[in-house]
Amino acid sequence: MLTLADLRYGEGDFSLSADLELAPGRRVAIIGPSGAGKSTLLDLIAGFRLPESGRLSWRGEDITRATPDRRPVAMLFQENNLFPHLTLTRNLGLALRPDGRRLGATEAAAVGEALERVGLAGLGGRRPGALSGGQQSRAALARVLLQKRPVIALDEPFAALGPALKVEMLELVRTVAAELGALVLLVSHDPQDAQRFAEEVVLVAEGVAHPPVETTALFNDPPEALRRYLGS
């Protein structure tokens, strides 16, 4: 269980609180108005920001002050964070060899398998600039496969893709998460993403990240904050 116990964060006039639990293996969408704190919530979970108070734990282990590399979280950003001067093989190899050392035969084979798994077989020698946006997203997802973390955090990684390609990528994430048994946290501005992909939804609004609610139930009877966000 990923537990955020009375977690509080503030910066200037902005504040966010969270007191909730997220179960392993679930697909969870994080939605809410712009500026409400959706990305901040992911940053707190991944370790890129630290809370002022409260406790964050994974399967009972306190990770509140742990650095990102010591957390069970693989992060997928909108920019994909691929190094433009490195080939795909070198980019993905950093998931296995963060020090940048040459991959061994077993590790190189694992990178090749990950690329094949996301439909990029034979493209390991290309640099990101030679790939389409969809291919770059697939490469970033292959890196998540190699990291094999039990929590996958996605901060609108497919927002720049067309509707059909975004649906395709969400289905690929669903498959990858099922293989890893991972908890998936998907930040999105598109309510359809939540309805299409997520089993549960965390609504972030008015300074609060609310506990998860089953997706269909939430949209069938949305609270006032969600009604305002949806414009209904």
C-alpha atoms as a PDB file:
ATOM      1  CA  MET A   1       0.000   0.000   0.000  1.00  0.00           C
ATOM      2  CA  LEU A   2       1.199   3.523  -0.845  1.00  0.00           C
ATOM      3  CA  THR A   3       0.166   5.623   2.142  1.00  0.00           C
ATOM      4  CA  LEU A   4       0.143   9.404   2.355  1.00  0.00           C
ATOM      5  CA  ALA A   5      -0.597  10.117   6.010  1.00  0.00           C
ATOM      6  CA  ASP A   6      -1.578  13.718   6.737  1.00  0.00           C
ATOM      7  CA  LEU A   7       0.937  14.907   4.140  1.00  0.00           C
ATOM      8  CA  ARG A   8       1.236  18.676   3.781  1.00  0.00           C
ATOM      9  CA  TYR A   9       3.206  20.815   1.356  1.00  0.00           C
ATOM     10  CA  GLY A  10       3.330  24.580   0.848  1.00  0.00           C
ATOM     11  CA  GLU A  11       5.110  27.051  -1.402  1.00  0.00           C
ATOM     12  CA  GLY A  12       4.190  30.735  -1.238  1.00  0.00           C
ATOM     13  CA  ASP A  13       0.419  31.004  -1.526  1.00  0.00           C
ATOM     14  CA  PHE A  14       0.105  27.409  -2.719  1.00  0.00           C
ATOM     15  CA  SER A  15      -0.694  24.543  -0.356  1.00  0.00           C
ATOM     16  CA  LEU A  16      -1.614  20.900  -0.774  1.00  0.00           C
ATOM     17  CA  SER A  17      -2.667  18.265   1.721  1.00  0.00           C
ATOM     18  CA  ALA A  18      -3.195  14.535   1.213  1.00  0.00           C
ATOM     19  CA  ASP A  19      -4.400  11.799   3.543  1.00  0.00           C
ATOM     20  CA  LEU A  20      -5.050   8.693   1.450  1.00  0.00           C
ATOM     21  CA  GLU A  21      -4.007   5.176   0.494  1.00  0.00           C
ATOM     22  CA  LEU A  22      -3.402   3.657  -2.940  1.00  0.00           C
ATOM     23  CA  ALA A  23      -3.336  -0.095  -3.425  1.00  0.00           C
ATOM     24  CA  PRO A  24      -0.648  -1.987  -5.380  1.00  0.00           C
ATOM     25  CA  GLY A  25      -1.609  -2.996  -8.905  1.00  0.00           C
ATOM     26  CA  ARG A  26      -4.354  -0.401  -9.313  1.00  0.00           C
ATOM     27  CA  ARG A  27      -4.708   2.116 -12.149  1.00  0.00           C
ATOM     28  CA  VAL A  28      -5.391   5.549 -10.654  1.00  0.00           C
ATOM     29  CA  ALA A  29      -6.062   8.809 -12.497  1.00  0.00           C
ATOM     30  CA  ILE A  30      -5.232  12.135 -10.852  1.00  0.00           C
ATOM     31  CA  ILE A  31      -7.444  14.903 -12.179  1.00  0.00           C
ATOM     32  CA  GLY A  32      -8.406  18.444 -11.227  1.00  0.00           C
ATOM     33  CA  PRO A  33      -8.136  22.084 -12.283  1.00  0.00           C
ATOM     34  CA  SER A  34      -4.896  23.557 -13.610  1.00  0.00           C
ATOM     35  CA  GLY A  35      -2.650  24.656 -10.773  1.00  0.00           C
ATOM     36  CA  ALA A  36      -4.479  22.543  -8.194  1.00  0.00           C
ATOM     37  CA  GLY A  37      -1.397  20.451  -7.442  1.00  0.00           C
ATOM     38  CA  LYS A  38      -1.630  17.268  -9.536  1.00  0.00           C
ATOM     39  CA  SER A  39       2.013  17.340 -10.627  1.00  0.00           C
ATOM     40  CA  THR A  40       3.055  18.441  -7.146  1.00  0.00           C
ATOM     41  CA  LEU A  41       1.375  15.339  -5.736  1.00  0.00           C
ATOM     42  CA  LEU A  42       3.389  13.143  -8.109  1.00  0.00           C
ATOM     43  CA  ASP A  43       6.583  15.008  -7.211  1.00  0.00           C
ATOM     44  CA  LEU A  44       5.941  14.356  -3.513  1.00  0.00           C
ATOM     45  CA  ILE A  45       5.393  10.655  -4.190  1.00  0.00           C
ATOM     46  CA  ALA A  46       8.468  10.392  -6.435  1.00  0.00           C
ATOM     47  CA  GLY A  47      10.707  12.397  -4.102  1.00  0.00           C
ATOM     48  CA  PHE A  48      11.315  15.477  -6.240  1.00  0.00           C
ATOM     49  CA  ARG A  49       9.652  17.571  -3.531  1.00  0.00           C
ATOM     50  CA  LEU A  50       9.598  17.008   0.216  1.00  0.00           C
ATOM     51  CA  PRO A  51       6.562  17.625   2.427  1.00  0.00           C
ATOM     52  CA  GLU A  52       6.507  20.068   5.318  1.00  0.00           C
ATOM     53  CA  SER A  53       4.847  17.461   7.505  1.00  0.00           C
ATOM     54  CA  GLY A  54       3.213  14.057   7.408  1.00  0.00           C
ATOM     55  CA  ARG A  55       4.456  10.633   6.370  1.00  0.00           C
ATOM     56  CA  LEU A  56       4.774   8.803   3.067  1.00  0.00           C
ATOM     57  CA  SER A  57       5.221   5.037   3.136  1.00  0.00           C
ATOM     58  CA  TRP A  58       5.295   2.087   0.738  1.00  0.00           C
ATOM     59  CA  ARG A  59       4.280  -1.311   2.094  1.00  0.00           C
ATOM     60  CA  GLY A  60       4.843  -0.005   5.597  1.00  0.00           C
ATOM     61  CA  GLU A  61       8.335   1.407   4.945  1.00  0.00           C
ATOM     62  CA  ASP A  62       8.783   5.125   5.596  1.00  0.00           C
ATOM     63  CA  ILE A  63      10.086   6.828   2.432  1.00  0.00           C
ATOM     64  CA  THR A  64       9.159  10.406   3.378  1.00  0.00           C
ATOM     65  CA  ARG A  65      12.750  11.661   3.137  1.00  0.00           C
ATOM     66  CA  ALA A  66      14.124   9.104   0.695  1.00  0.00           C
ATOM     67  CA  THR A  67      15.800  10.389  -2.471  1.00  0.00           C
ATOM     68  CA  PRO A  68      14.084   9.594  -5.805  1.00  0.00           C
ATOM     69  CA  ASP A  69      16.527   6.789  -6.627  1.00  0.00           C
ATOM     70  CA  ARG A  70      15.659   5.120  -3.307  1.00  0.00           C
ATOM     71  CA  ARG A  71      11.922   5.116  -3.937  1.00  0.00           C
ATOM     72  CA  PRO A  72       9.788   2.450  -5.642  1.00  0.00           C
ATOM     73  CA  VAL A  73       8.682   4.934  -8.313  1.00  0.00           C
ATOM     74  CA  ALA A  74       9.428   5.090 -12.044  1.00  0.00           C
ATOM     75  CA  MET A  75       8.501   8.515 -13.428  1.00  0.00           C
ATOM     76  CA  LEU A  76       7.381   9.194 -16.983  1.00  0.00           C
ATOM     77  CA  PHE A  77       7.308  12.892 -17.888  1.00  0.00           C
ATOM     78  CA  GLN A  78       5.621  14.689 -20.779  1.00  0.00           C
ATOM     79  CA  GLU A  79       9.067  15.496 -22.240  1.00  0.00           C
ATOM     80  CA  ASN A  80      10.110  11.806 -21.992  1.00  0.00           C
ATOM     81  CA  ASN A  81      13.530  12.927 -20.653  1.00  0.00           C
ATOM     82  CA  LEU A  82      15.570  11.142 -23.304  1.00  0.00           C
ATOM     83  CA  PHE A  83      19.104  12.457 -23.788  1.00  0.00           C
ATOM     84  CA  PRO A  84      19.236  13.765 -27.390  1.00  0.00           C
ATOM     85  CA  HIS A  85      22.940  12.946 -27.893  1.00  0.00           C
ATOM     86  CA  LEU A  86      22.551   9.281 -26.906  1.00  0.00           C
ATOM     87  CA  THR A  87      21.099   6.396 -28.887  1.00  0.00           C
ATOM     88  CA  LEU A  88      17.989   4.658 -27.618  1.00  0.00           C
ATOM     89  CA  THR A  89      20.102   1.751 -26.411  1.00  0.00           C
ATOM     90  CA  ARG A  90      22.329   4.113 -24.396  1.00  0.00           C
ATOM     91  CA  ASN A  91      19.290   6.011 -23.068  1.00  0.00           C
ATOM     92  CA  LEU A  92      17.577   2.858 -21.897  1.00  0.00           C
ATOM     93  CA  GLY A  93      20.837   1.436 -20.609  1.00  0.00           C
ATOM     94  CA  LEU A  94      20.917   4.187 -17.985  1.00  0.00           C
ATOM     95  CA  ALA A  95      17.969   2.460 -16.302  1.00  0.00           C
ATOM     96  CA  LEU A  96      20.294  -0.482 -15.646  1.00  0.00           C
ATOM     97  CA  ARG A  97      23.614   1.363 -15.435  1.00  0.00           C
ATOM     98  CA  PRO A  98      22.990   4.885 -14.030  1.00  0.00           C
ATOM     99  CA  ASP A  99      26.758   5.420 -13.969  1.00  0.00           C
ATOM    100  CA  GLY A 100      26.796   5.222 -17.777  1.00  0.00           C
ATOM    101  CA  ARG A 101      29.158   2.259 -17.929  1.00  0.00           C
ATOM    102  CA  ARG A 102      29.045  -0.123 -20.890  1.00  0.00           C
ATOM    103  CA  LEU A 103      26.263  -2.686 -20.728  1.00  0.00           C
ATOM    104  CA  GLY A 104      27.056  -6.335 -20.315  1.00  0.00           C
ATOM    105  CA  ALA A 105      25.638  -8.922 -22.692  1.00  0.00           C
ATOM    106  CA  THR A 106      22.722  -9.745 -20.399  1.00  0.00           C
ATOM    107  CA  GLU A 107      21.878  -6.083 -19.893  1.00  0.00           C
ATOM    108  CA  ALA A 108      22.103  -5.314 -23.618  1.00  0.00           C
ATOM    109  CA  ALA A 109      19.761  -8.217 -24.295  1.00  0.00           C
ATOM    110  CA  ALA A 110      17.305  -6.837 -21.722  1.00  0.00           C
ATOM    111  CA  VAL A 111      17.341  -3.444 -23.478  1.00  0.00           C
ATOM    112  CA  GLY A 112      16.687  -5.125 -26.813  1.00  0.00           C
ATOM    113  CA  GLU A 113      13.773  -7.079 -25.344  1.00  0.00           C
ATOM    114  CA  ALA A 114      12.274  -3.921 -23.839  1.00  0.00           C
ATOM    115  CA  LEU A 115      12.485  -2.102 -27.184  1.00  0.00           C
ATOM    116  CA  GLU A 116      10.854  -5.056 -28.905  1.00  0.00           C
ATOM    117  CA  ARG A 117       8.128  -5.142 -26.257  1.00  0.00           C
ATOM    118  CA  VAL A 118       7.072  -1.562 -27.075  1.00  0.00           C
ATOM    119  CA  GLY A 119       7.328  -1.965 -30.843  1.00  0.00           C
ATOM    120  CA  LEU A 120      10.762  -0.413 -31.381  1.00  0.00           C
ATOM    121  CA  ALA A 121      12.761  -3.514 -32.324  1.00  0.00           C
ATOM    122  CA  GLY A 122      15.806  -2.643 -34.419  1.00  0.00           C
ATOM    123  CA  LEU A 123      15.747   1.073 -33.528  1.00  0.00           C
ATOM    124  CA  GLY A 124      18.221   0.959 -30.652  1.00  0.00           C
ATOM    125  CA  GLY A 125      20.907   2.726 -32.696  1.00  0.00           C
ATOM    126  CA  ARG A 126      18.764   5.795 -33.388  1.00  0.00           C
ATOM    127  CA  ARG A 127      18.849   9.023 -31.429  1.00  0.00           C
ATOM    128  CA  PRO A 128      15.601  10.555 -30.098  1.00  0.00           C
ATOM    129  CA  GLY A 129      15.619  13.302 -32.734  1.00  0.00           C
ATOM    130  CA  ALA A 130      15.230  10.667 -35.454  1.00  0.00           C
ATOM    131  CA  LEU A 131      12.018   9.336 -33.894  1.00  0.00           C
ATOM    132  CA  SER A 132       8.407  10.476 -33.985  1.00  0.00           C
ATOM    133  CA  GLY A 133       6.694  11.706 -30.834  1.00  0.00           C
ATOM    134  CA  GLY A 134       4.923   8.387 -30.445  1.00  0.00           C
ATOM    135  CA  GLN A 135       8.171   6.455 -30.806  1.00  0.00           C
ATOM    136  CA  GLN A 136       9.838   8.633 -28.182  1.00  0.00           C
ATOM    137  CA  SER A 137       6.944   7.916 -25.808  1.00  0.00           C
ATOM    138  CA  ARG A 138       7.374   4.202 -26.447  1.00  0.00           C
ATOM    139  CA  ALA A 139      11.094   4.466 -25.726  1.00  0.00           C
ATOM    140  CA  ALA A 140      10.398   6.206 -22.416  1.00  0.00           C
ATOM    141  CA  LEU A 141       7.934   3.443 -21.546  1.00  0.00           C
ATOM    142  CA  ALA A 142      10.568   0.814 -22.402  1.00  0.00           C
ATOM    143  CA  ARG A 143      12.824   2.461 -19.824  1.00  0.00           C
ATOM    144  CA  VAL A 144      10.059   2.053 -17.246  1.00  0.00           C
ATOM    145  CA  LEU A 145       9.918  -1.641 -18.140  1.00  0.00           C
ATOM    146  CA  LEU A 146      13.632  -1.957 -17.441  1.00  0.00           C
ATOM    147  CA  GLN A 147      13.383  -0.165 -14.108  1.00  0.00           C
ATOM    148  CA  LYS A 148      10.772  -2.675 -12.886  1.00  0.00           C
ATOM    149  CA  ARG A 149       9.521  -0.372 -10.144  1.00  0.00           C
ATOM    150  CA  PRO A 150       6.223  -1.237  -8.395  1.00  0.00           C
ATOM    151  CA  VAL A 151       4.849   2.308  -8.865  1.00  0.00           C
ATOM    152  CA  ILE A 152       4.627   4.024 -12.264  1.00  0.00           C
ATOM    153  CA  ALA A 153       3.939   7.770 -12.176  1.00  0.00           C
ATOM    154  CA  LEU A 154       2.919   9.434 -15.432  1.00  0.00           C
ATOM    155  CA  ASP A 155       2.772  13.226 -15.599  1.00  0.00           C
ATOM    156  CA  GLU A 156       0.727  13.769 -18.793  1.00  0.00           C
ATOM    157  CA  PRO A 157       3.317  11.953 -20.923  1.00  0.00           C
ATOM    158  CA  PHE A 158       1.010  11.617 -23.929  1.00  0.00           C
ATOM    159  CA  ALA A 159      -0.602  15.080 -23.911  1.00  0.00           C
ATOM    160  CA  ALA A 160       1.158  16.112 -27.141  1.00  0.00           C
ATOM    161  CA  LEU A 161       0.013  13.021 -29.046  1.00  0.00           C
ATOM    162  CA  GLY A 162      -3.070  12.777 -31.232  1.00  0.00           C
ATOM    163  CA  PRO A 163      -6.223  11.135 -29.796  1.00  0.00           C
ATOM    164  CA  ALA A 164      -5.784   7.751 -31.496  1.00  0.00           C
ATOM    165  CA  LEU A 165      -2.092   7.484 -30.587  1.00  0.00           C
ATOM    166  CA  LYS A 166      -2.798   8.531 -27.006  1.00  0.00           C
ATOM    167  CA  VAL A 167      -5.374   5.748 -26.675  1.00  0.00           C
ATOM    168  CA  GLU A 168      -2.830   3.299 -28.086  1.00  0.00           C
ATOM    169  CA  MET A 169      -0.184   4.415 -25.586  1.00  0.00           C
ATOM    170  CA  LEU A 170      -2.587   4.150 -22.647  1.00  0.00           C
ATOM    171  CA  GLU A 171      -3.379   0.593 -23.682  1.00  0.00           C
ATOM    172  CA  LEU A 172       0.346  -0.150 -23.811  1.00  0.00           C
ATOM    173  CA  VAL A 173       0.779   1.320 -20.321  1.00  0.00           C
ATOM    174  CA  ARG A 174      -2.089  -0.875 -19.119  1.00  0.00           C
ATOM    175  CA  THR A 175      -0.343  -3.970 -20.518  1.00  0.00           C
ATOM    176  CA  VAL A 176       3.079  -3.032 -19.122  1.00  0.00           C
ATOM    177  CA  ALA A 177       1.620  -2.255 -15.679  1.00  0.00           C
ATOM    178  CA  ALA A 178      -0.208  -5.587 -15.628  1.00  0.00           C
ATOM    179  CA  GLU A 179       3.042  -7.417 -16.448  1.00  0.00           C
ATOM    180  CA  LEU A 180       4.859  -5.633 -13.617  1.00  0.00           C
ATOM    181  CA  GLY A 181       1.916  -5.721 -11.193  1.00  0.00           C
ATOM    182  CA  ALA A 182       2.512  -1.995 -10.759  1.00  0.00           C
ATOM    183  CA  LEU A 183       0.402   0.738  -9.247  1.00  0.00           C
ATOM    184  CA  VAL A 184      -0.104   3.364 -11.991  1.00  0.00           C
ATOM    185  CA  LEU A 185      -0.680   7.040 -11.198  1.00  0.00           C
ATOM    186  CA  LEU A 186      -1.766   9.009 -14.278  1.00  0.00           C
ATOM    187  CA  VAL A 187      -2.022  12.792 -14.178  1.00  0.00           C
ATOM    188  CA  SER A 188      -4.315  14.049 -16.938  1.00  0.00           C
ATOM    189  CA  HIS A 189      -6.354  17.109 -17.871  1.00  0.00           C
ATOM    190  CA  ASP A 190      -8.666  14.915 -19.968  1.00  0.00           C
ATOM    191  CA  PRO A 191     -11.538  13.293 -18.012  1.00  0.00           C
ATOM    192  CA  GLN A 192     -11.887  10.783 -20.842  1.00  0.00           C
ATOM    193  CA  ASP A 193      -8.414   9.454 -20.005  1.00  0.00           C
ATOM    194  CA  ALA A 194      -9.608   8.731 -16.474  1.00  0.00           C
ATOM    195  CA  GLN A 195     -12.797   7.043 -17.658  1.00  0.00           C
ATOM    196  CA  ARG A 196     -10.992   5.014 -20.310  1.00  0.00           C
ATOM    197  CA  PHE A 197      -7.960   3.954 -18.284  1.00  0.00           C
ATOM    198  CA  ALA A 198      -8.390   4.260 -14.533  1.00  0.00           C
ATOM    199  CA  GLU A 199     -10.080   2.020 -11.997  1.00  0.00           C
ATOM    200  CA  GLU A 200     -10.003   4.814  -9.419  1.00  0.00           C
ATOM    201  CA  VAL A 201      -9.672   8.588  -9.447  1.00  0.00           C
ATOM    202  CA  VAL A 202      -7.950  10.984  -7.057  1.00  0.00           C
ATOM    203  CA  LEU A 203      -9.486  14.442  -7.364  1.00  0.00           C
ATOM    204  CA  VAL A 204      -7.107  17.303  -6.563  1.00  0.00           C
ATOM    205  CA  ALA A 205      -8.966  20.551  -5.918  1.00  0.00           C
ATOM    206  CA  GLU A 206      -8.936  23.497  -3.528  1.00  0.00           C
ATOM    207  CA  GLY A 207      -5.694  22.465  -1.878  1.00  0.00           C
ATOM    208  CA  VAL A 208      -6.683  18.868  -1.180  1.00  0.00           C
ATOM    209  CA  ALA A 209      -5.831  15.557  -2.849  1.00  0.00           C
ATOM    210  CA  HIS A 210      -8.938  13.549  -2.021  1.00  0.00           C
ATOM    211  CA  PRO A 211      -8.908   9.791  -1.334  1.00  0.00           C
ATOM    212  CA  PRO A 212      -9.457   7.609  -4.412  1.00  0.00           C
ATOM    213  CA  VAL A 213     -12.993   6.883  -5.582  1.00  0.00           C
ATOM    214  CA  GLU A 214     -14.071   4.200  -8.046  1.00  0.00           C
ATOM    215  CA  THR A 215     -14.097   5.866 -11.470  1.00  0.00           C
ATOM    216  CA  THR A 216     -17.632   5.085 -12.617  1.00  0.00           C
ATOM    217  CA  ALA A 217     -19.121   6.011  -9.244  1.00  0.00           C
ATOM    218  CA  LEU A 218     -17.262   9.326  -9.193  1.00  0.00           C
ATOM    219  CA  PHE A 219     -18.396  10.419 -12.646  1.00  0.00           C
ATOM    220  CA  ASN A 220     -21.958   9.197 -12.100  1.00  0.00           C
ATOM    221  CA  ASP A 221     -22.267  11.357  -9.002  1.00  0.00           C
ATOM    222  CA  PRO A 222     -19.479  13.973  -9.121  1.00  0.00           C
ATOM    223  CA  PRO A 223     -18.822  16.210  -6.111  1.00  0.00           C
ATOM    224  CA  GLU A 224     -19.189  19.951  -6.535  1.00  0.00           C
ATOM    225  CA  ALA A 225     -15.469  20.521  -7.110  1.00  0.00           C
ATOM    226  CA  LEU A 226     -15.494  17.995  -9.967  1.00  0.00           C
ATOM    227  CA  ARG A 227     -18.685  19.481 -11.413  1.00  0.00           C
ATOM    228  CA  ARG A 228     -17.010  22.876 -11.610  1.00  0.00           C
ATOM    229  CA  TYR A 229     -13.930  21.357 -13.246  1.00  0.00           C
ATOM    230  CA  LEU A 230     -16.053  19.507 -15.809  1.00  0.00           C
ATOM    231  CA  GLY A 231     -18.213  22.569 -16.418  1.00  0.00           C
ATOM    232  CA  SER A 232     -21.433  20.767 -15.543  1.00  0.00           C
END
